[in-house]
Amino acid sequence: MNTGGPDGPGGLGGGAISFGVAPWGLPLNPGAPTYLPNNFNGRADILTNPGIGLTADPVVANNTKSVISGPWGPANFLYLTQVGGGNVHGPFGVGGAVIHGPTFGFQLADGGVPGGVSASYQVMSWNATFTDAAGSAAGTLGNYIAMAGTVPAVQDVAMVALRLQLSGLAIGVVEVPGLILAVERFGPTTYNALALQDVLGIGALPMPGGWGIMINPATGQFLAMAYNVFPFAIPPGETLTARVTATVYADPADLQFPASSFFDVFTEIDIGPGMQAFDGGAPPPLPNNMLFTGVGVPEPSAALITAVGLLMAAAARTARRRRASSSRRIAGLTATHTPSFT
């Protein structure tokens, strides 16, 4: 694994992480997700609005801390942490993020108040170059995002998005559908949830996928995931380059890559005392291999975030799962209901 590629300092690849506090504003293009141009890779892949509700403004001027790097080898990683601080829009809270190439992790707790005033954010962009030595049959490779955390107060919002462009000699350049997850506490025991594949306006190749969101209505704890299944085969020895951006928001929820693996999220989606689930219906079979799995955020931020109620994210485990079949309702909202993000 290395992080060479066309982006980064001097066009040498690498990655970048930025933290900040963004104000919320009116939607720019209601009904479709919107993205901000990314000064690291030149792509418009930083999520600002999932297609409904208010729009965040994570521009460079609102960043509170950033790190950027050229290529690094398999044993290295890019890491950033922040405790406190903020800007004219509000306090930042506590956050940590790490990039290991195809894997990444995040932890974020906002320092403000609910109600659509401002949100703490993290933006992670990087390149990853790797070789699929054995090759992969169609439907056996994919990518996903997941988040776990708490929306403890009414109008709390947690949101994560992932954009990926994958290229190789045999497959060409493939824009993978964007993945977006969001949970909002709409009332004392009612919730809105959003999970989608974004193919609108970004030229993405349509592909199978699935999602699930589990929420404890009494506490606001949640576990959510969404994934794509690549419908194309990759020949043995194909060298792939991925250009990736992940965007994370907390207002003022706390969230992280879950301690459970992606496969365990599906296993747990319809179990657990007091848990109710939004469910995306019968998903396609899970791929054997998933890109951009969660990894633990290293010290010192893990200890700092634990002090404000977050658990340390653990490395994703490659275990098989059983397919969830829940179709329950939560507080009268159907599985396809989308949040207001007010």
C-alpha atoms as a PDB file:
ATOM      1  CA  MET A   1       0.000   0.000   0.000  1.00  0.00           C
ATOM      2  CA  ASN A   2       1.171   3.494  -0.778  1.00  0.00           C
ATOM      3  CA  THR A   3      -0.438   6.870  -1.221  1.00  0.00           C
ATOM      4  CA  GLY A   4       1.026   8.015  -4.499  1.00  0.00           C
ATOM      5  CA  GLY A   5      -1.260   9.699  -6.973  1.00  0.00           C
ATOM      6  CA  PRO A   6      -2.134  12.912  -8.758  1.00  0.00           C
ATOM      7  CA  ASP A   7      -3.133  14.969  -5.709  1.00  0.00           C
ATOM      8  CA  GLY A   8      -1.482  16.389  -2.632  1.00  0.00           C
ATOM      9  CA  PRO A   9       1.674  18.496  -2.267  1.00  0.00           C
ATOM     10  CA  GLY A  10       3.391  18.818  -5.624  1.00  0.00           C
ATOM     11  CA  GLY A  11       1.004  16.326  -7.190  1.00  0.00           C
ATOM     12  CA  LEU A  12       2.636  13.486  -5.256  1.00  0.00           C
ATOM     13  CA  GLY A  13      -0.430  11.993  -3.590  1.00  0.00           C
ATOM     14  CA  GLY A  14      -0.806  11.642   0.160  1.00  0.00           C
ATOM     15  CA  GLY A  15      -3.669  12.947   2.225  1.00  0.00           C
ATOM     16  CA  ALA A  16      -5.135  15.819   4.202  1.00  0.00           C
ATOM     17  CA  ILE A  17      -7.341  16.197   7.291  1.00  0.00           C
ATOM     18  CA  SER A  18      -9.161  19.376   8.323  1.00  0.00           C
ATOM     19  CA  PHE A  19     -11.315  20.151  11.358  1.00  0.00           C
ATOM     20  CA  GLY A  20     -13.570  23.161  11.790  1.00  0.00           C
ATOM     21  CA  VAL A  21     -16.910  24.678  12.794  1.00  0.00           C
ATOM     22  CA  ALA A  22     -19.427  25.391  10.033  1.00  0.00           C
ATOM     23  CA  PRO A  23     -22.586  27.499  10.179  1.00  0.00           C
ATOM     24  CA  TRP A  24     -25.815  26.088   8.747  1.00  0.00           C
ATOM     25  CA  GLY A  25     -27.508  27.926   5.872  1.00  0.00           C
ATOM     26  CA  LEU A  26     -30.335  27.525   3.373  1.00  0.00           C
ATOM     27  CA  PRO A  27     -30.240  24.570   0.941  1.00  0.00           C
ATOM     28  CA  LEU A  28     -28.663  25.407  -2.422  1.00  0.00           C
ATOM     29  CA  ASN A  29     -30.190  22.585  -4.454  1.00  0.00           C
ATOM     30  CA  PRO A  30     -33.152  21.025  -2.603  1.00  0.00           C
ATOM     31  CA  GLY A  31     -33.747  17.396  -3.440  1.00  0.00           C
ATOM     32  CA  ALA A  32     -30.154  16.535  -4.344  1.00  0.00           C
ATOM     33  CA  PRO A  33     -26.959  16.237  -2.279  1.00  0.00           C
ATOM     34  CA  THR A  34     -24.514  19.109  -2.715  1.00  0.00           C
ATOM     35  CA  TYR A  35     -20.742  19.134  -2.419  1.00  0.00           C
ATOM     36  CA  LEU A  36     -18.012  21.730  -1.954  1.00  0.00           C
ATOM     37  CA  PRO A  37     -14.944  21.923  -4.235  1.00  0.00           C
ATOM     38  CA  ASN A  38     -11.976  20.250  -2.548  1.00  0.00           C
ATOM     39  CA  ASN A  39      -8.673  22.155  -2.703  1.00  0.00           C
ATOM     40  CA  PHE A  40      -6.716  18.932  -2.005  1.00  0.00           C
ATOM     41  CA  ASN A  41      -7.825  16.915  -5.030  1.00  0.00           C
ATOM     42  CA  GLY A  42      -9.708  19.392  -7.232  1.00  0.00           C
ATOM     43  CA  ARG A  43     -12.926  17.359  -7.004  1.00  0.00           C
ATOM     44  CA  ALA A  44     -16.283  18.584  -5.669  1.00  0.00           C
ATOM     45  CA  ASP A  45     -16.588  15.833  -3.034  1.00  0.00           C
ATOM     46  CA  ILE A  46     -16.971  17.510   0.400  1.00  0.00           C
ATOM     47  CA  LEU A  47     -20.611  17.020   1.447  1.00  0.00           C
ATOM     48  CA  THR A  48     -22.447  20.206   2.433  1.00  0.00           C
ATOM     49  CA  ASN A  49     -26.080  19.032   2.202  1.00  0.00           C
ATOM     50  CA  PRO A  50     -27.562  15.518   1.869  1.00  0.00           C
ATOM     51  CA  GLY A  51     -30.419  16.770  -0.320  1.00  0.00           C
ATOM     52  CA  ILE A  52     -32.720  17.995   2.462  1.00  0.00           C
ATOM     53  CA  GLY A  53     -32.524  20.368   5.396  1.00  0.00           C
ATOM     54  CA  LEU A  54     -29.840  22.970   5.988  1.00  0.00           C
ATOM     55  CA  THR A  55     -26.474  23.375   4.257  1.00  0.00           C
ATOM     56  CA  ALA A  56     -23.125  23.445   6.071  1.00  0.00           C
ATOM     57  CA  ASP A  57     -20.234  25.685   5.023  1.00  0.00           C
ATOM     58  CA  PRO A  58     -16.929  23.836   5.652  1.00  0.00           C
ATOM     59  CA  VAL A  59     -14.801  26.260   3.614  1.00  0.00           C
ATOM     60  CA  VAL A  60     -11.091  26.744   4.323  1.00  0.00           C
ATOM     61  CA  ALA A  61     -11.795  29.960   6.271  1.00  0.00           C
ATOM     62  CA  ASN A  62     -13.853  27.940   8.773  1.00  0.00           C
ATOM     63  CA  ASN A  63     -11.132  25.346   9.411  1.00  0.00           C
ATOM     64  CA  THR A  64      -9.692  25.350  12.923  1.00  0.00           C
ATOM     65  CA  LYS A  65      -6.885  22.837  12.353  1.00  0.00           C
ATOM     66  CA  SER A  66      -5.406  20.995   9.360  1.00  0.00           C
ATOM     67  CA  VAL A  67      -2.609  18.623   8.379  1.00  0.00           C
ATOM     68  CA  ILE A  68      -1.437  17.659   4.881  1.00  0.00           C
ATOM     69  CA  SER A  69       1.141  15.126   3.747  1.00  0.00           C
ATOM     70  CA  GLY A  70       2.791  13.724   0.659  1.00  0.00           C
ATOM     71  CA  PRO A  71       3.050   9.946   0.071  1.00  0.00           C
ATOM     72  CA  TRP A  72       3.627   7.593   2.970  1.00  0.00           C
ATOM     73  CA  GLY A  73       4.405   3.887   3.132  1.00  0.00           C
ATOM     74  CA  PRO A  74       2.497   0.899   4.581  1.00  0.00           C
ATOM     75  CA  ALA A  75       3.704   1.428   8.151  1.00  0.00           C
ATOM     76  CA  ASN A  76       2.770   5.108   8.309  1.00  0.00           C
ATOM     77  CA  PHE A  77      -0.459   7.046   8.643  1.00  0.00           C
ATOM     78  CA  LEU A  78      -1.857  10.572   8.757  1.00  0.00           C
ATOM     79  CA  TYR A  79      -3.425  11.688  12.030  1.00  0.00           C
ATOM     80  CA  LEU A  80      -4.997  14.805  13.580  1.00  0.00           C
ATOM     81  CA  THR A  81      -6.632  15.606  16.923  1.00  0.00           C
ATOM     82  CA  GLN A  82      -8.212  18.713  18.464  1.00  0.00           C
ATOM     83  CA  VAL A  83      -9.738  19.477  21.862  1.00  0.00           C
ATOM     84  CA  GLY A  84     -11.672  22.713  22.268  1.00  0.00           C
ATOM     85  CA  GLY A  85     -11.097  25.805  20.229  1.00  0.00           C
ATOM     86  CA  GLY A  86     -13.452  26.933  17.488  1.00  0.00           C
ATOM     87  CA  ASN A  87     -14.152  30.013  15.384  1.00  0.00           C
ATOM     88  CA  VAL A  88     -16.691  32.829  15.101  1.00  0.00           C
ATOM     89  CA  HIS A  89     -19.432  30.278  14.369  1.00  0.00           C
ATOM     90  CA  GLY A  90     -19.058  28.366  17.646  1.00  0.00           C
ATOM     91  CA  PRO A  91     -16.941  25.961  19.721  1.00  0.00           C
ATOM     92  CA  PHE A  92     -15.337  22.932  18.091  1.00  0.00           C
ATOM     93  CA  GLY A  93     -15.657  20.219  20.739  1.00  0.00           C
ATOM     94  CA  VAL A  94     -13.341  17.178  20.597  1.00  0.00           C
ATOM     95  CA  GLY A  95     -12.190  15.213  17.552  1.00  0.00           C
ATOM     96  CA  GLY A  96      -9.655  12.760  16.190  1.00  0.00           C
ATOM     97  CA  ALA A  97      -9.159  11.310  12.700  1.00  0.00           C
ATOM     98  CA  VAL A  98      -6.691   8.894  11.115  1.00  0.00           C
ATOM     99  CA  ILE A  99      -5.980   7.744   7.541  1.00  0.00           C
ATOM    100  CA  HIS A 100      -4.115   4.500   6.826  1.00  0.00           C
ATOM    101  CA  GLY A 101      -4.568   4.376   3.034  1.00  0.00           C
ATOM    102  CA  PRO A 102      -7.657   2.331   2.270  1.00  0.00           C
ATOM    103  CA  THR A 103      -8.691   2.416   5.941  1.00  0.00           C
ATOM    104  CA  PHE A 104      -9.659   5.428   8.033  1.00  0.00           C
ATOM    105  CA  GLY A 105     -11.242   6.240  11.380  1.00  0.00           C
ATOM    106  CA  PHE A 106     -12.954   9.193  13.043  1.00  0.00           C
ATOM    107  CA  GLN A 107     -14.281  10.379  16.392  1.00  0.00           C
ATOM    108  CA  LEU A 108     -16.121  13.684  16.806  1.00  0.00           C
ATOM    109  CA  ALA A 109     -18.134  15.441  19.525  1.00  0.00           C
ATOM    110  CA  ASP A 110     -19.473  18.948  18.892  1.00  0.00           C
ATOM    111  CA  GLY A 111     -19.021  21.681  21.481  1.00  0.00           C
ATOM    112  CA  GLY A 112     -22.110  23.736  20.637  1.00  0.00           C
ATOM    113  CA  VAL A 113     -25.849  23.527  21.207  1.00  0.00           C
ATOM    114  CA  PRO A 114     -28.525  21.816  19.071  1.00  0.00           C
ATOM    115  CA  GLY A 115     -30.847  23.725  16.792  1.00  0.00           C
ATOM    116  CA  GLY A 116     -29.060  24.268  13.496  1.00  0.00           C
ATOM    117  CA  VAL A 117     -26.683  27.056  14.598  1.00  0.00           C
ATOM    118  CA  SER A 118     -23.344  25.403  13.807  1.00  0.00           C
ATOM    119  CA  ALA A 119     -21.712  21.996  13.580  1.00  0.00           C
ATOM    120  CA  SER A 120     -18.218  20.674  14.187  1.00  0.00           C
ATOM    121  CA  TYR A 121     -16.848  18.932  11.105  1.00  0.00           C
ATOM    122  CA  GLN A 122     -14.003  16.763   9.849  1.00  0.00           C
ATOM    123  CA  VAL A 123     -12.905  16.439   6.220  1.00  0.00           C
ATOM    124  CA  MET A 124     -10.483  13.637   5.256  1.00  0.00           C
ATOM    125  CA  SER A 125      -9.128  13.360   1.692  1.00  0.00           C
ATOM    126  CA  TRP A 126      -6.490  10.930   0.481  1.00  0.00           C
ATOM    127  CA  ASN A 127      -5.145   8.738  -2.303  1.00  0.00           C
ATOM    128  CA  ALA A 128      -4.546   5.013  -1.955  1.00  0.00           C
ATOM    129  CA  THR A 129      -2.747   2.880  -4.540  1.00  0.00           C
ATOM    130  CA  PHE A 130      -2.875  -0.901  -4.140  1.00  0.00           C
ATOM    131  CA  THR A 131      -2.793  -4.110  -6.175  1.00  0.00           C
ATOM    132  CA  ASP A 132      -5.478  -6.789  -6.320  1.00  0.00           C
ATOM    133  CA  ALA A 133      -3.049  -9.690  -6.779  1.00  0.00           C
ATOM    134  CA  ALA A 134      -5.658 -12.458  -7.045  1.00  0.00           C
ATOM    135  CA  GLY A 135      -8.325 -10.432  -8.820  1.00  0.00           C
ATOM    136  CA  SER A 136     -11.969 -10.111  -7.783  1.00  0.00           C
ATOM    137  CA  ALA A 137     -15.121 -11.399  -9.427  1.00  0.00           C
ATOM    138  CA  ALA A 138     -18.014  -9.005  -9.976  1.00  0.00           C
ATOM    139  CA  GLY A 139     -20.000  -8.532  -6.779  1.00  0.00           C
ATOM    140  CA  THR A 140     -17.167  -9.571  -4.445  1.00  0.00           C
ATOM    141  CA  LEU A 141     -15.653  -6.131  -3.771  1.00  0.00           C
ATOM    142  CA  GLY A 142     -17.305  -3.014  -2.374  1.00  0.00           C
ATOM    143  CA  ASN A 143     -17.006  -0.032  -0.064  1.00  0.00           C
ATOM    144  CA  TYR A 144     -18.949   1.204   2.946  1.00  0.00           C
ATOM    145  CA  ILE A 145     -19.319   3.742   5.721  1.00  0.00           C
ATOM    146  CA  ALA A 146     -20.575   3.211   9.259  1.00  0.00           C
ATOM    147  CA  MET A 147     -21.116   5.349  12.344  1.00  0.00           C
ATOM    148  CA  ALA A 148     -22.012   4.785  15.980  1.00  0.00           C
ATOM    149  CA  GLY A 149     -22.765   7.387  18.611  1.00  0.00           C
ATOM    150  CA  THR A 150     -25.445   9.357  20.441  1.00  0.00           C
ATOM    151  CA  VAL A 151     -27.900  12.134  19.613  1.00  0.00           C
ATOM    152  CA  PRO A 152     -28.817  12.980  23.228  1.00  0.00           C
ATOM    153  CA  ALA A 153     -30.984  16.083  22.696  1.00  0.00           C
ATOM    154  CA  VAL A 154     -33.825  17.143  20.390  1.00  0.00           C
ATOM    155  CA  GLN A 155     -32.461  18.599  17.106  1.00  0.00           C
ATOM    156  CA  ASP A 156     -29.122  16.783  17.497  1.00  0.00           C
ATOM    157  CA  VAL A 157     -27.724  15.617  14.140  1.00  0.00           C
ATOM    158  CA  ALA A 158     -24.904  13.193  13.243  1.00  0.00           C
ATOM    159  CA  MET A 159     -23.866  12.742   9.614  1.00  0.00           C
ATOM    160  CA  VAL A 160     -21.143  10.964   7.610  1.00  0.00           C
ATOM    161  CA  ALA A 161     -20.504  10.867   3.847  1.00  0.00           C
ATOM    162  CA  LEU A 162     -17.973   9.081   1.608  1.00  0.00           C
ATOM    163  CA  ARG A 163     -17.037   9.796  -2.008  1.00  0.00           C
ATOM    164  CA  LEU A 164     -14.753   7.484  -4.002  1.00  0.00           C
ATOM    165  CA  GLN A 165     -13.260   7.483  -7.483  1.00  0.00           C
ATOM    166  CA  LEU A 166     -11.583   4.187  -8.402  1.00  0.00           C
ATOM    167  CA  SER A 167      -9.308   3.779 -11.426  1.00  0.00           C
ATOM    168  CA  GLY A 168      -7.245   1.015 -13.000  1.00  0.00           C
ATOM    169  CA  LEU A 169      -5.913  -0.025 -16.381  1.00  0.00           C
ATOM    170  CA  ALA A 170      -8.659  -2.633 -16.925  1.00  0.00           C
ATOM    171  CA  ILE A 171     -11.625  -0.941 -15.236  1.00  0.00           C
ATOM    172  CA  GLY A 172     -10.866   2.602 -16.377  1.00  0.00           C
ATOM    173  CA  VAL A 173     -12.125   5.444 -14.157  1.00  0.00           C
ATOM    174  CA  VAL A 174     -15.185   4.568 -12.066  1.00  0.00           C
ATOM    175  CA  GLU A 175     -17.081   7.143 -10.002  1.00  0.00           C
ATOM    176  CA  VAL A 176     -18.631   5.103  -7.194  1.00  0.00           C
ATOM    177  CA  PRO A 177     -22.013   6.244  -5.797  1.00  0.00           C
ATOM    178  CA  GLY A 178     -21.564   8.526  -2.814  1.00  0.00           C
ATOM    179  CA  LEU A 179     -22.693   7.101   0.513  1.00  0.00           C
ATOM    180  CA  ILE A 180     -24.470   9.305   3.071  1.00  0.00           C
ATOM    181  CA  LEU A 181     -25.689   8.452   6.593  1.00  0.00           C
ATOM    182  CA  ALA A 182     -27.539  10.792   8.960  1.00  0.00           C
ATOM    183  CA  VAL A 183     -29.484  10.512  12.217  1.00  0.00           C
ATOM    184  CA  GLU A 184     -31.508  13.348  13.764  1.00  0.00           C
ATOM    185  CA  ARG A 185     -33.363  13.367  17.083  1.00  0.00           C
ATOM    186  CA  PHE A 186     -36.656  14.880  15.981  1.00  0.00           C
ATOM    187  CA  GLY A 187     -38.492  14.719  19.332  1.00  0.00           C
ATOM    188  CA  PRO A 188     -37.986  13.331  22.841  1.00  0.00           C
ATOM    189  CA  THR A 189     -38.354   9.739  21.577  1.00  0.00           C
ATOM    190  CA  THR A 190     -38.732  10.187  17.802  1.00  0.00           C
ATOM    191  CA  TYR A 191     -36.023  10.128  15.165  1.00  0.00           C
ATOM    192  CA  ASN A 192     -35.440  10.791  11.506  1.00  0.00           C
ATOM    193  CA  ALA A 193     -32.868   8.767   9.593  1.00  0.00           C
ATOM    194  CA  LEU A 194     -31.309   9.028   6.156  1.00  0.00           C
ATOM    195  CA  ALA A 195     -29.120   6.564   4.261  1.00  0.00           C
ATOM    196  CA  LEU A 196     -28.566   6.703   0.537  1.00  0.00           C
ATOM    197  CA  GLN A 197     -26.415   6.045  -2.487  1.00  0.00           C
ATOM    198  CA  ASP A 198     -25.859   9.304  -4.336  1.00  0.00           C
ATOM    199  CA  VAL A 199     -25.714   9.012  -8.128  1.00  0.00           C
ATOM    200  CA  LEU A 200     -27.314  12.406  -8.827  1.00  0.00           C
ATOM    201  CA  GLY A 201     -25.161  14.949 -10.600  1.00  0.00           C
ATOM    202  CA  ILE A 202     -21.819  13.230  -9.967  1.00  0.00           C
ATOM    203  CA  GLY A 203     -21.764  10.802 -12.901  1.00  0.00           C
ATOM    204  CA  ALA A 204     -21.606   7.764 -10.647  1.00  0.00           C
ATOM    205  CA  LEU A 205     -21.982   4.243 -11.995  1.00  0.00           C
ATOM    206  CA  PRO A 206     -25.234   2.773 -10.606  1.00  0.00           C
ATOM    207  CA  MET A 207     -24.549  -0.320  -8.538  1.00  0.00           C
ATOM    208  CA  PRO A 208     -26.217  -2.534  -5.917  1.00  0.00           C
ATOM    209  CA  GLY A 209     -26.084  -1.502  -2.271  1.00  0.00           C
ATOM    210  CA  GLY A 210     -27.842  -1.577   1.054  1.00  0.00           C
ATOM    211  CA  TRP A 211     -28.138   0.136   4.422  1.00  0.00           C
ATOM    212  CA  GLY A 212     -29.465  -0.170   7.956  1.00  0.00           C
ATOM    213  CA  ILE A 213     -29.829   2.158  10.965  1.00  0.00           C
ATOM    214  CA  MET A 214     -30.492   1.072  14.553  1.00  0.00           C
ATOM    215  CA  ILE A 215     -31.540   3.594  17.249  1.00  0.00           C
ATOM    216  CA  ASN A 216     -32.308   3.308  20.962  1.00  0.00           C
ATOM    217  CA  PRO A 217     -35.280   5.706  21.356  1.00  0.00           C
ATOM    218  CA  ALA A 218     -34.720   6.183  25.077  1.00  0.00           C
ATOM    219  CA  THR A 219     -31.034   7.165  24.941  1.00  0.00           C
ATOM    220  CA  GLY A 220     -30.449   8.348  21.377  1.00  0.00           C
ATOM    221  CA  GLN A 221     -27.688   5.797  20.812  1.00  0.00           C
ATOM    222  CA  PHE A 222     -27.433   4.667  17.198  1.00  0.00           C
ATOM    223  CA  LEU A 223     -25.555   2.336  14.863  1.00  0.00           C
ATOM    224  CA  ALA A 224     -25.724   2.909  11.093  1.00  0.00           C
ATOM    225  CA  MET A 225     -24.131   1.717   7.878  1.00  0.00           C
ATOM    226  CA  ALA A 226     -24.446   1.917   4.073  1.00  0.00           C
ATOM    227  CA  TYR A 227     -22.530   0.125   1.338  1.00  0.00           C
ATOM    228  CA  ASN A 228     -21.950  -0.345  -2.388  1.00  0.00           C
ATOM    229  CA  VAL A 229     -21.279  -3.595  -4.263  1.00  0.00           C
ATOM    230  CA  PHE A 230     -19.018  -3.158  -7.301  1.00  0.00           C
ATOM    231  CA  PRO A 231     -20.728  -4.817 -10.311  1.00  0.00           C
ATOM    232  CA  PHE A 232     -17.501  -5.175 -12.310  1.00  0.00           C
ATOM    233  CA  ALA A 233     -14.699  -7.738 -12.161  1.00  0.00           C
ATOM    234  CA  ILE A 234     -11.068  -6.842 -11.428  1.00  0.00           C
ATOM    235  CA  PRO A 235      -8.440  -8.964 -13.191  1.00  0.00           C
ATOM    236  CA  PRO A 236      -5.504 -10.502 -11.272  1.00  0.00           C
ATOM    237  CA  GLY A 237      -2.633  -8.096 -10.767  1.00  0.00           C
ATOM    238  CA  GLU A 238      -4.701  -4.960 -11.400  1.00  0.00           C
ATOM    239  CA  THR A 239      -3.233  -1.888  -9.701  1.00  0.00           C
ATOM    240  CA  LEU A 240      -5.978   0.399  -8.447  1.00  0.00           C
ATOM    241  CA  THR A 241      -5.857   4.033  -7.399  1.00  0.00           C
ATOM    242  CA  ALA A 242      -8.581   5.378  -5.137  1.00  0.00           C
ATOM    243  CA  ARG A 243      -9.252   9.085  -4.595  1.00  0.00           C
ATOM    244  CA  VAL A 244     -11.325   9.302  -1.425  1.00  0.00           C
ATOM    245  CA  THR A 245     -13.013  11.986   0.685  1.00  0.00           C
ATOM    246  CA  ALA A 246     -14.957  11.449   3.914  1.00  0.00           C
ATOM    247  CA  THR A 247     -16.981  14.218   5.581  1.00  0.00           C
ATOM    248  CA  VAL A 248     -18.209  14.032   9.197  1.00  0.00           C
ATOM    249  CA  TYR A 249     -20.603  16.398  11.035  1.00  0.00           C
ATOM    250  CA  ALA A 250     -21.778  16.559  14.664  1.00  0.00           C
ATOM    251  CA  ASP A 251     -24.396  19.070  15.893  1.00  0.00           C
ATOM    252  CA  PRO A 252     -23.800  18.582  18.815  1.00  0.00           C
ATOM    253  CA  ALA A 253     -23.974  14.789  18.751  1.00  0.00           C
ATOM    254  CA  ASP A 254     -20.977  12.517  19.225  1.00  0.00           C
ATOM    255  CA  LEU A 255     -20.070   9.811  16.731  1.00  0.00           C
ATOM    256  CA  GLN A 256     -17.265   7.517  15.629  1.00  0.00           C
ATOM    257  CA  PHE A 257     -16.503   4.598  13.371  1.00  0.00           C
ATOM    258  CA  PRO A 258     -18.263   1.798  15.296  1.00  0.00           C
ATOM    259  CA  ALA A 259     -16.418  -0.686  17.450  1.00  0.00           C
ATOM    260  CA  SER A 260     -18.340  -3.392  15.591  1.00  0.00           C
ATOM    261  CA  SER A 261     -17.243  -4.333  12.106  1.00  0.00           C
ATOM    262  CA  PHE A 262     -19.398  -3.616   9.079  1.00  0.00           C
ATOM    263  CA  PHE A 263     -20.616  -7.203   9.031  1.00  0.00           C
ATOM    264  CA  ASP A 264     -21.582  -7.077  12.707  1.00  0.00           C
ATOM    265  CA  VAL A 265     -23.648  -3.942  12.075  1.00  0.00           C
ATOM    266  CA  PHE A 266     -25.944  -6.002   9.851  1.00  0.00           C
ATOM    267  CA  THR A 267     -26.039  -8.796  12.426  1.00  0.00           C
ATOM    268  CA  GLU A 268     -27.064  -6.384  15.178  1.00  0.00           C
ATOM    269  CA  ILE A 269     -29.540  -4.314  13.189  1.00  0.00           C
ATOM    270  CA  ASP A 270     -32.618  -6.217  14.407  1.00  0.00           C
ATOM    271  CA  ILE A 271     -31.522  -7.296  17.879  1.00  0.00           C
ATOM    272  CA  GLY A 272     -30.829  -5.642  21.206  1.00  0.00           C
ATOM    273  CA  PRO A 273     -33.209  -4.691  24.015  1.00  0.00           C
ATOM    274  CA  GLY A 274     -35.090  -1.468  23.390  1.00  0.00           C
ATOM    275  CA  MET A 275     -33.613  -0.989  19.937  1.00  0.00           C
ATOM    276  CA  GLN A 276     -35.747  -0.027  16.968  1.00  0.00           C
ATOM    277  CA  ALA A 277     -34.558  -0.025  13.377  1.00  0.00           C
ATOM    278  CA  PHE A 278     -34.897   1.798  10.136  1.00  0.00           C
ATOM    279  CA  ASP A 279     -34.175  -0.839   7.499  1.00  0.00           C
ATOM    280  CA  GLY A 280     -33.347  -0.452   3.843  1.00  0.00           C
ATOM    281  CA  GLY A 281     -35.079  -3.666   2.785  1.00  0.00           C
ATOM    282  CA  ALA A 282     -33.433  -6.790   1.439  1.00  0.00           C
ATOM    283  CA  PRO A 283     -29.874  -5.806   0.453  1.00  0.00           C
ATOM    284  CA  PRO A 284     -27.781  -7.579  -2.177  1.00  0.00           C
ATOM    285  CA  PRO A 285     -25.197 -10.113  -0.989  1.00  0.00           C
ATOM    286  CA  LEU A 286     -22.296  -8.553   0.860  1.00  0.00           C
ATOM    287  CA  PRO A 287     -18.966  -8.470  -0.973  1.00  0.00           C
ATOM    288  CA  ASN A 288     -16.147 -10.620   0.352  1.00  0.00           C
ATOM    289  CA  ASN A 289     -13.887  -7.580   0.657  1.00  0.00           C
ATOM    290  CA  MET A 290     -14.740  -4.036   1.668  1.00  0.00           C
ATOM    291  CA  LEU A 291     -12.588  -0.967   1.049  1.00  0.00           C
ATOM    292  CA  PHE A 292     -12.198   1.853   3.562  1.00  0.00           C
ATOM    293  CA  THR A 293     -13.066  -0.130   6.666  1.00  0.00           C
ATOM    294  CA  GLY A 294     -12.904   1.543  10.058  1.00  0.00           C
ATOM    295  CA  VAL A 295      -9.742   1.653  12.126  1.00  0.00           C
ATOM    296  CA  GLY A 296      -9.061   2.830  15.660  1.00  0.00           C
ATOM    297  CA  VAL A 297      -8.016   6.431  16.201  1.00  0.00           C
ATOM    298  CA  PRO A 298      -4.673   6.285  18.080  1.00  0.00           C
ATOM    299  CA  GLU A 299      -3.748   8.075  21.283  1.00  0.00           C
ATOM    300  CA  PRO A 300      -3.849  10.741  22.561  1.00  0.00           C
ATOM    301  CA  SER A 301      -7.266  11.728  21.214  1.00  0.00           C
ATOM    302  CA  ALA A 302      -8.894   8.411  22.130  1.00  0.00           C
ATOM    303  CA  ALA A 303      -8.394   9.040  25.835  1.00  0.00           C
ATOM    304  CA  LEU A 304      -9.574  12.631  25.512  1.00  0.00           C
ATOM    305  CA  ILE A 305     -12.731  11.668  23.641  1.00  0.00           C
ATOM    306  CA  THR A 306     -13.453   8.840  26.059  1.00  0.00           C
ATOM    307  CA  ALA A 307     -13.490  11.464  28.780  1.00  0.00           C
ATOM    308  CA  VAL A 308     -16.485  13.113  27.103  1.00  0.00           C
ATOM    309  CA  GLY A 309     -18.384   9.878  26.608  1.00  0.00           C
ATOM    310  CA  LEU A 310     -17.103   8.372  23.354  1.00  0.00           C
ATOM    311  CA  LEU A 311     -15.708   4.859  23.087  1.00  0.00           C
ATOM    312  CA  MET A 312     -12.545   4.144  21.151  1.00  0.00           C
ATOM    313  CA  ALA A 313     -13.196   2.806  17.667  1.00  0.00           C
ATOM    314  CA  ALA A 314     -11.789  -0.677  17.041  1.00  0.00           C
ATOM    315  CA  ALA A 315     -10.457  -2.168  13.838  1.00  0.00           C
ATOM    316  CA  ALA A 316     -13.116  -3.706  11.628  1.00  0.00           C
ATOM    317  CA  ARG A 317     -13.222  -7.510  11.752  1.00  0.00           C
ATOM    318  CA  THR A 318     -13.718  -9.527   8.565  1.00  0.00           C
ATOM    319  CA  ALA A 319     -16.521 -11.774   9.785  1.00  0.00           C
ATOM    320  CA  ARG A 320     -19.550 -12.915   7.861  1.00  0.00           C
ATOM    321  CA  ARG A 321     -22.987 -11.802   8.931  1.00  0.00           C
ATOM    322  CA  ARG A 322     -26.560 -12.918   8.628  1.00  0.00           C
ATOM    323  CA  ARG A 323     -28.884 -10.696   6.643  1.00  0.00           C
ATOM    324  CA  ALA A 324     -31.141  -8.428   8.653  1.00  0.00           C
ATOM    325  CA  SER A 325     -34.842  -8.678   7.873  1.00  0.00           C
ATOM    326  CA  SER A 326     -36.273  -6.003  10.148  1.00  0.00           C
ATOM    327  CA  SER A 327     -38.993  -3.776   8.717  1.00  0.00           C
ATOM    328  CA  ARG A 328     -40.155  -2.211  11.976  1.00  0.00           C
ATOM    329  CA  ARG A 329     -41.391   1.347  12.276  1.00  0.00           C
ATOM    330  CA  ILE A 330     -40.068   3.852  14.759  1.00  0.00           C
ATOM    331  CA  ALA A 331     -42.486   6.370  16.220  1.00  0.00           C
ATOM    332  CA  GLY A 332     -44.710   6.186  13.134  1.00  0.00           C
ATOM    333  CA  LEU A 333     -41.918   6.992  10.661  1.00  0.00           C
ATOM    334  CA  THR A 334     -41.293   4.502   7.865  1.00  0.00           C
ATOM    335  CA  ALA A 335     -37.889   3.216   6.913  1.00  0.00           C
ATOM    336  CA  THR A 336     -37.741   5.575   3.951  1.00  0.00           C
ATOM    337  CA  HIS A 337     -38.503   8.730   5.954  1.00  0.00           C
ATOM    338  CA  THR A 338     -35.851  11.427   5.666  1.00  0.00           C
ATOM    339  CA  PRO A 339     -34.738  13.930   8.303  1.00  0.00           C
ATOM    340  CA  SER A 340     -35.590  17.613   8.444  1.00  0.00           C
ATOM    341  CA  PHE A 341     -32.194  18.731   9.779  1.00  0.00           C
ATOM    342  CA  THR A 342     -33.549  21.826  11.424  1.00  0.00           C
END
